[in-house]
Amino acid sequence: MQKELTYEQAMQRLEAMAQQMESGEIGIDEMAERLREAQKLMKFCHEKLYEAEKNCKSLLNVEEKA
């Protein structure tokens, strides 16, 4: 991915790409490239969510023990 991309930035990019694809603003070649980028962004978002969930569970587990 790019520099320090946030989850929110990745989601905004995905939403913008989806709107462009739905509107027909882009050609087939560009769409193929956008789909590859979207796949990377979705993987990035999935990993961010997984880490956040893991951290929340860890924090909840610590609080329960206290």
PDB file of N, CA and C in Angstrom:
ATOM      1  N   MET A   1       0.830  -1.188   0.000  1.00  0.00           N
ATOM      2  CA  MET A   1       0.000   0.000   0.000  1.00  0.00           C
ATOM      3  C   MET A   1       0.870   1.245   0.000  1.00  0.00           C
ATOM      4  N   GLN A   2       0.212   2.360   0.017  1.00  0.00           N
ATOM      5  CA  GLN A   2       0.880   3.644  -0.019  1.00  0.00           C
ATOM      6  C   GLN A   2       1.524   3.921   1.331  1.00  0.00           C
ATOM      7  N   LYS A   3       1.836   5.194   1.558  1.00  0.00           N
ATOM      8  CA  LYS A   3       2.364   5.610   2.858  1.00  0.00           C
ATOM      9  C   LYS A   3       1.465   5.042   3.942  1.00  0.00           C
ATOM     10  N   GLU A   4       1.369   5.656   5.054  1.00  0.00           N
ATOM     11  CA  GLU A   4       0.521   5.159   6.134  1.00  0.00           C
ATOM     12  C   GLU A   4      -0.954   5.385   5.810  1.00  0.00           C
ATOM     13  N   LEU A   5      -1.536   4.476   5.093  1.00  0.00           N
ATOM     14  CA  LEU A   5      -2.932   4.555   4.696  1.00  0.00           C
ATOM     15  C   LEU A   5      -3.808   4.168   5.877  1.00  0.00           C
ATOM     16  N   THR A   6      -4.878   4.911   6.100  1.00  0.00           N
ATOM     17  CA  THR A   6      -5.803   4.559   7.169  1.00  0.00           C
ATOM     18  C   THR A   6      -6.945   3.728   6.592  1.00  0.00           C
ATOM     19  N   TYR A   7      -7.656   3.068   7.470  1.00  0.00           N
ATOM     20  CA  TYR A   7      -8.826   2.290   7.073  1.00  0.00           C
ATOM     21  C   TYR A   7      -9.845   3.206   6.387  1.00  0.00           C
ATOM     22  N   GLU A   8     -10.067   4.370   6.968  1.00  0.00           N
ATOM     23  CA  GLU A   8     -11.046   5.310   6.431  1.00  0.00           C
ATOM     24  C   GLU A   8     -10.657   5.780   5.027  1.00  0.00           C
ATOM     25  N   GLN A   9      -9.388   6.060   4.813  1.00  0.00           N
ATOM     26  CA  GLN A   9      -8.920   6.482   3.489  1.00  0.00           C
ATOM     27  C   GLN A   9      -9.114   5.365   2.469  1.00  0.00           C
ATOM     28  N   ALA A  10      -8.815   4.143   2.869  1.00  0.00           N
ATOM     29  CA  ALA A  10      -8.979   3.001   1.970  1.00  0.00           C
ATOM     30  C   ALA A  10     -10.448   2.821   1.601  1.00  0.00           C
ATOM     31  N   MET A  11     -11.338   2.962   2.582  1.00  0.00           N
ATOM     32  CA  MET A  11     -12.764   2.818   2.314  1.00  0.00           C
ATOM     33  C   MET A  11     -13.269   3.934   1.402  1.00  0.00           C
ATOM     34  N   GLN A  12     -12.788   5.148   1.604  1.00  0.00           N
ATOM     35  CA  GLN A  12     -13.189   6.259   0.745  1.00  0.00           C
ATOM     36  C   GLN A  12     -12.746   6.004  -0.696  1.00  0.00           C
ATOM     37  N   ARG A  13     -11.552   5.494  -0.851  1.00  0.00           N
ATOM     38  CA  ARG A  13     -11.036   5.182  -2.192  1.00  0.00           C
ATOM     39  C   ARG A  13     -11.891   4.092  -2.846  1.00  0.00           C
ATOM     40  N   LEU A  14     -12.224   3.062  -2.082  1.00  0.00           N
ATOM     41  CA  LEU A  14     -13.061   1.986  -2.608  1.00  0.00           C
ATOM     42  C   LEU A  14     -14.431   2.513  -3.032  1.00  0.00           C
ATOM     43  N   GLU A  15     -15.015   3.370  -2.217  1.00  0.00           N
ATOM     44  CA  GLU A  15     -16.323   3.938  -2.550  1.00  0.00           C
ATOM     45  C   GLU A  15     -16.258   4.786  -3.818  1.00  0.00           C
ATOM     46  N   ALA A  16     -15.207   5.584  -3.948  1.00  0.00           N
ATOM     47  CA  ALA A  16     -15.045   6.418  -5.141  1.00  0.00           C
ATOM     48  C   ALA A  16     -14.865   5.544  -6.379  1.00  0.00           C
ATOM     49  N   MET A  17     -14.083   4.495  -6.243  1.00  0.00           N
ATOM     50  CA  MET A  17     -13.859   3.589  -7.369  1.00  0.00           C
ATOM     51  C   MET A  17     -15.163   2.907  -7.776  1.00  0.00           C
ATOM     52  N   ALA A  18     -15.940   2.480  -6.803  1.00  0.00           N
ATOM     53  CA  ALA A  18     -17.211   1.818  -7.098  1.00  0.00           C
ATOM     54  C   ALA A  18     -18.152   2.761  -7.837  1.00  0.00           C
ATOM     55  N   GLN A  19     -18.200   4.010  -7.409  1.00  0.00           N
ATOM     56  CA  GLN A  19     -19.064   4.986  -8.083  1.00  0.00           C
ATOM     57  C   GLN A  19     -18.630   5.199  -9.529  1.00  0.00           C
ATOM     58  N   GLN A  20     -17.315   5.293  -9.753  1.00  0.00           N
ATOM     59  CA  GLN A  20     -16.815   5.483 -11.109  1.00  0.00           C
ATOM     60  C   GLN A  20     -17.147   4.285 -11.985  1.00  0.00           C
ATOM     61  N   MET A  21     -16.991   3.093 -11.442  1.00  0.00           N
ATOM     62  CA  MET A  21     -17.268   1.886 -12.217  1.00  0.00           C
ATOM     63  C   MET A  21     -18.757   1.792 -12.541  1.00  0.00           C
ATOM     64  N   GLU A  22     -19.597   2.107 -11.557  1.00  0.00           N
ATOM     65  CA  GLU A  22     -21.039   2.024 -11.769  1.00  0.00           C
ATOM     66  C   GLU A  22     -21.520   3.059 -12.780  1.00  0.00           C
ATOM     67  N   SER A  23     -20.893   4.212 -12.810  1.00  0.00           N
ATOM     68  CA  SER A  23     -21.329   5.285 -13.701  1.00  0.00           C
ATOM     69  C   SER A  23     -20.839   5.104 -15.131  1.00  0.00           C
ATOM     70  N   GLY A  24     -19.900   4.187 -15.324  1.00  0.00           N
ATOM     71  CA  GLY A  24     -19.358   3.962 -16.657  1.00  0.00           C
ATOM     72  C   GLY A  24     -18.338   5.011 -17.071  1.00  0.00           C
ATOM     73  N   GLU A  25     -17.780   5.718 -16.096  1.00  0.00           N
ATOM     74  CA  GLU A  25     -16.810   6.780 -16.374  1.00  0.00           C
ATOM     75  C   GLU A  25     -15.469   6.254 -16.881  1.00  0.00           C
ATOM     76  N   ILE A  26     -15.200   4.991 -16.666  1.00  0.00           N
ATOM     77  CA  ILE A  26     -13.884   4.460 -17.007  1.00  0.00           C
ATOM     78  C   ILE A  26     -14.010   3.331 -18.024  1.00  0.00           C
ATOM     79  N   GLY A  27     -12.951   3.161 -18.805  1.00  0.00           N
ATOM     80  CA  GLY A  27     -12.923   2.115 -19.819  1.00  0.00           C
ATOM     81  C   GLY A  27     -12.520   0.760 -19.231  1.00  0.00           C
ATOM     82  N   ILE A  28     -12.547  -0.234 -20.064  1.00  0.00           N
ATOM     83  CA  ILE A  28     -12.256  -1.607 -19.650  1.00  0.00           C
ATOM     84  C   ILE A  28     -10.844  -1.755 -19.091  1.00  0.00           C
ATOM     85  N   ASP A  29      -9.852  -1.194 -19.781  1.00  0.00           N
ATOM     86  CA  ASP A  29      -8.471  -1.328 -19.310  1.00  0.00           C
ATOM     87  C   ASP A  29      -8.284  -0.690 -17.940  1.00  0.00           C
ATOM     88  N   GLU A  30      -8.847   0.503 -17.786  1.00  0.00           N
ATOM     89  CA  GLU A  30      -8.735   1.183 -16.502  1.00  0.00           C
ATOM     90  C   GLU A  30      -9.528   0.441 -15.431  1.00  0.00           C
ATOM     91  N   MET A  31     -10.645  -0.137 -15.806  1.00  0.00           N
ATOM     92  CA  MET A  31     -11.449  -0.884 -14.842  1.00  0.00           C
ATOM     93  C   MET A  31     -10.679  -2.092 -14.320  1.00  0.00           C
ATOM     94  N   ALA A  32      -9.962  -2.761 -15.203  1.00  0.00           N
ATOM     95  CA  ALA A  32      -9.163  -3.917 -14.779  1.00  0.00           C
ATOM     96  C   ALA A  32      -8.115  -3.486 -13.756  1.00  0.00           C
ATOM     97  N   GLU A  33      -7.485  -2.347 -14.015  1.00  0.00           N
ATOM     98  CA  GLU A  33      -6.490  -1.825 -13.068  1.00  0.00           C
ATOM     99  C   GLU A  33      -7.148  -1.444 -11.751  1.00  0.00           C
ATOM    100  N   ARG A  34      -8.315  -0.827 -11.825  1.00  0.00           N
ATOM    101  CA  ARG A  34      -9.032  -0.436 -10.602  1.00  0.00           C
ATOM    102  C   ARG A  34      -9.444  -1.660  -9.790  1.00  0.00           C
ATOM    103  N   LEU A  35      -9.820  -2.723 -10.480  1.00  0.00           N
ATOM    104  CA  LEU A  35     -10.208  -3.942  -9.765  1.00  0.00           C
ATOM    105  C   LEU A  35      -9.016  -4.540  -9.016  1.00  0.00           C
ATOM    106  N   ARG A  36      -7.833  -4.465  -9.619  1.00  0.00           N
ATOM    107  CA  ARG A  36      -6.631  -4.952  -8.923  1.00  0.00           C
ATOM    108  C   ARG A  36      -6.350  -4.084  -7.690  1.00  0.00           C
ATOM    109  N   GLU A  37      -6.492  -2.775  -7.861  1.00  0.00           N
ATOM    110  CA  GLU A  37      -6.287  -1.872  -6.726  1.00  0.00           C
ATOM    111  C   GLU A  37      -7.341  -2.123  -5.644  1.00  0.00           C
ATOM    112  N   ALA A  38      -8.579  -2.326  -6.059  1.00  0.00           N
ATOM    113  CA  ALA A  38      -9.658  -2.583  -5.108  1.00  0.00           C
ATOM    114  C   ALA A  38      -9.391  -3.858  -4.310  1.00  0.00           C
ATOM    115  N   GLN A  39      -8.874  -4.862  -4.978  1.00  0.00           N
ATOM    116  CA  GLN A  39      -8.563  -6.111  -4.292  1.00  0.00           C
ATOM    117  C   GLN A  39      -7.524  -5.874  -3.192  1.00  0.00           C
ATOM    118  N   LYS A  40      -6.500  -5.074  -3.492  1.00  0.00           N
ATOM    119  CA  LYS A  40      -5.472  -4.759  -2.495  1.00  0.00           C
ATOM    120  C   LYS A  40      -6.059  -3.950  -1.341  1.00  0.00           C
ATOM    121  N   LEU A  41      -6.916  -2.997  -1.678  1.00  0.00           N
ATOM    122  CA  LEU A  41      -7.537  -2.172  -0.642  1.00  0.00           C
ATOM    123  C   LEU A  41      -8.457  -2.999   0.257  1.00  0.00           C
ATOM    124  N   MET A  42      -9.197  -3.920  -0.331  1.00  0.00           N
ATOM    125  CA  MET A  42     -10.083  -4.767   0.471  1.00  0.00           C
ATOM    126  C   MET A  42      -9.278  -5.665   1.404  1.00  0.00           C
ATOM    127  N   LYS A  43      -8.172  -6.183   0.927  1.00  0.00           N
ATOM    128  CA  LYS A  43      -7.300  -7.002   1.775  1.00  0.00           C
ATOM    129  C   LYS A  43      -6.754  -6.156   2.921  1.00  0.00           C
ATOM    130  N   PHE A  44      -6.320  -4.944   2.609  1.00  0.00           N
ATOM    131  CA  PHE A  44      -5.813  -4.028   3.621  1.00  0.00           C
ATOM    132  C   PHE A  44      -6.881  -3.758   4.684  1.00  0.00           C
ATOM    133  N   CYS A  45      -8.118  -3.466   4.249  1.00  0.00           N
ATOM    134  CA  CYS A  45      -9.208  -3.183   5.184  1.00  0.00           C
ATOM    135  C   CYS A  45      -9.528  -4.404   6.045  1.00  0.00           C
ATOM    136  N   HIS A  46      -9.545  -5.559   5.424  1.00  0.00           N
ATOM    137  CA  HIS A  46      -9.814  -6.794   6.169  1.00  0.00           C
ATOM    138  C   HIS A  46      -8.764  -6.996   7.266  1.00  0.00           C
ATOM    139  N   GLU A  47      -7.505  -6.776   6.921  1.00  0.00           N
ATOM    140  CA  GLU A  47      -6.430  -6.939   7.906  1.00  0.00           C
ATOM    141  C   GLU A  47      -6.557  -5.923   9.040  1.00  0.00           C
ATOM    142  N   LYS A  48      -6.919  -4.686   8.703  1.00  0.00           N
ATOM    143  CA  LYS A  48      -7.104  -3.653   9.727  1.00  0.00           C
ATOM    144  C   LYS A  48      -8.242  -4.032  10.677  1.00  0.00           C
ATOM    145  N   LEU A  49      -9.344  -4.512  10.121  1.00  0.00           N
ATOM    146  CA  LEU A  49     -10.478  -4.919  10.953  1.00  0.00           C
ATOM    147  C   LEU A  49     -10.118  -6.105  11.836  1.00  0.00           C
ATOM    148  N   TYR A  50      -9.389  -7.052  11.284  1.00  0.00           N
ATOM    149  CA  TYR A  50      -8.963  -8.218  12.047  1.00  0.00           C
ATOM    150  C   TYR A  50      -8.094  -7.790  13.233  1.00  0.00           C
ATOM    151  N   GLU A  51      -7.146  -6.888  12.982  1.00  0.00           N
ATOM    152  CA  GLU A  51      -6.274  -6.404  14.053  1.00  0.00           C
ATOM    153  C   GLU A  51      -7.069  -5.650  15.115  1.00  0.00           C
ATOM    154  N   ALA A  52      -8.008  -4.832  14.688  1.00  0.00           N
ATOM    155  CA  ALA A  52      -8.833  -4.083  15.640  1.00  0.00           C
ATOM    156  C   ALA A  52      -9.663  -5.038  16.495  1.00  0.00           C
ATOM    157  N   GLU A  53     -10.230  -6.055  15.874  1.00  0.00           N
ATOM    158  CA  GLU A  53     -11.019  -7.042  16.615  1.00  0.00           C
ATOM    159  C   GLU A  53     -10.142  -7.784  17.621  1.00  0.00           C
ATOM    160  N   LYS A  54      -8.955  -8.165  17.177  1.00  0.00           N
ATOM    161  CA  LYS A  54      -8.024  -8.868  18.059  1.00  0.00           C
ATOM    162  C   LYS A  54      -7.650  -7.988  19.258  1.00  0.00           C
ATOM    163  N   ASN A  55      -7.382  -6.712  19.004  1.00  0.00           N
ATOM    164  CA  ASN A  55      -7.032  -5.792  20.085  1.00  0.00           C
ATOM    165  C   ASN A  55      -8.194  -5.594  21.048  1.00  0.00           C
ATOM    166  N   CYS A  56      -9.416  -5.478  20.522  1.00  0.00           N
ATOM    167  CA  CYS A  56     -10.591  -5.315  21.382  1.00  0.00           C
ATOM    168  C   CYS A  56     -10.781  -6.535  22.273  1.00  0.00           C
ATOM    169  N   LYS A  57     -10.659  -7.718  21.696  1.00  0.00           N
ATOM    170  CA  LYS A  57     -10.814  -8.945  22.481  1.00  0.00           C
ATOM    171  C   LYS A  57      -9.750  -9.021  23.561  1.00  0.00           C
ATOM    172  N   SER A  58      -8.547  -8.622  23.228  1.00  0.00           N
ATOM    173  CA  SER A  58      -7.458  -8.634  24.193  1.00  0.00           C
ATOM    174  C   SER A  58      -7.749  -7.666  25.330  1.00  0.00           C
ATOM    175  N   LEU A  59      -8.208  -6.474  24.989  1.00  0.00           N
ATOM    176  CA  LEU A  59      -8.532  -5.481  26.020  1.00  0.00           C
ATOM    177  C   LEU A  59      -9.685  -5.943  26.893  1.00  0.00           C
ATOM    178  N   LEU A  60     -10.701  -6.528  26.299  1.00  0.00           N
ATOM    179  CA  LEU A  60     -11.837  -7.017  27.072  1.00  0.00           C
ATOM    180  C   LEU A  60     -11.413  -8.148  27.992  1.00  0.00           C
ATOM    181  N   ASN A  61     -10.532  -8.983  27.527  1.00  0.00           N
ATOM    182  CA  ASN A  61     -10.030 -10.083  28.327  1.00  0.00           C
ATOM    183  C   ASN A  61      -9.251  -9.566  29.530  1.00  0.00           C
ATOM    184  N   VAL A  62      -8.455  -8.532  29.344  1.00  0.00           N
ATOM    185  CA  VAL A  62      -7.685  -7.934  30.434  1.00  0.00           C
ATOM    186  C   VAL A  62      -8.624  -7.306  31.447  1.00  0.00           C
ATOM    187  N   GLU A  63      -9.669  -6.611  30.989  1.00  0.00           N
ATOM    188  CA  GLU A  63     -10.613  -5.962  31.892  1.00  0.00           C
ATOM    189  C   GLU A  63     -11.376  -6.986  32.723  1.00  0.00           C
ATOM    190  N   GLU A  64     -11.736  -8.115  32.119  1.00  0.00           N
ATOM    191  CA  GLU A  64     -12.472  -9.155  32.829  1.00  0.00           C
ATOM    192  C   GLU A  64     -11.627  -9.754  33.954  1.00  0.00           C
ATOM    193  N   LYS A  65     -10.333  -9.845  33.756  1.00  0.00           N
ATOM    194  CA  LYS A  65      -9.440 -10.420  34.754  1.00  0.00           C
ATOM    195  C   LYS A  65      -9.182  -9.453  35.898  1.00  0.00           C
ATOM    196  N   ALA A  66      -9.356  -8.159  35.654  1.00  0.00           N
ATOM    197  CA  ALA A  66      -9.048  -7.133  36.672  1.00  0.00           C
ATOM    198  C   ALA A  66     -10.091  -7.064  37.750  1.00  0.00           C
TER     199      ALA A  66
END
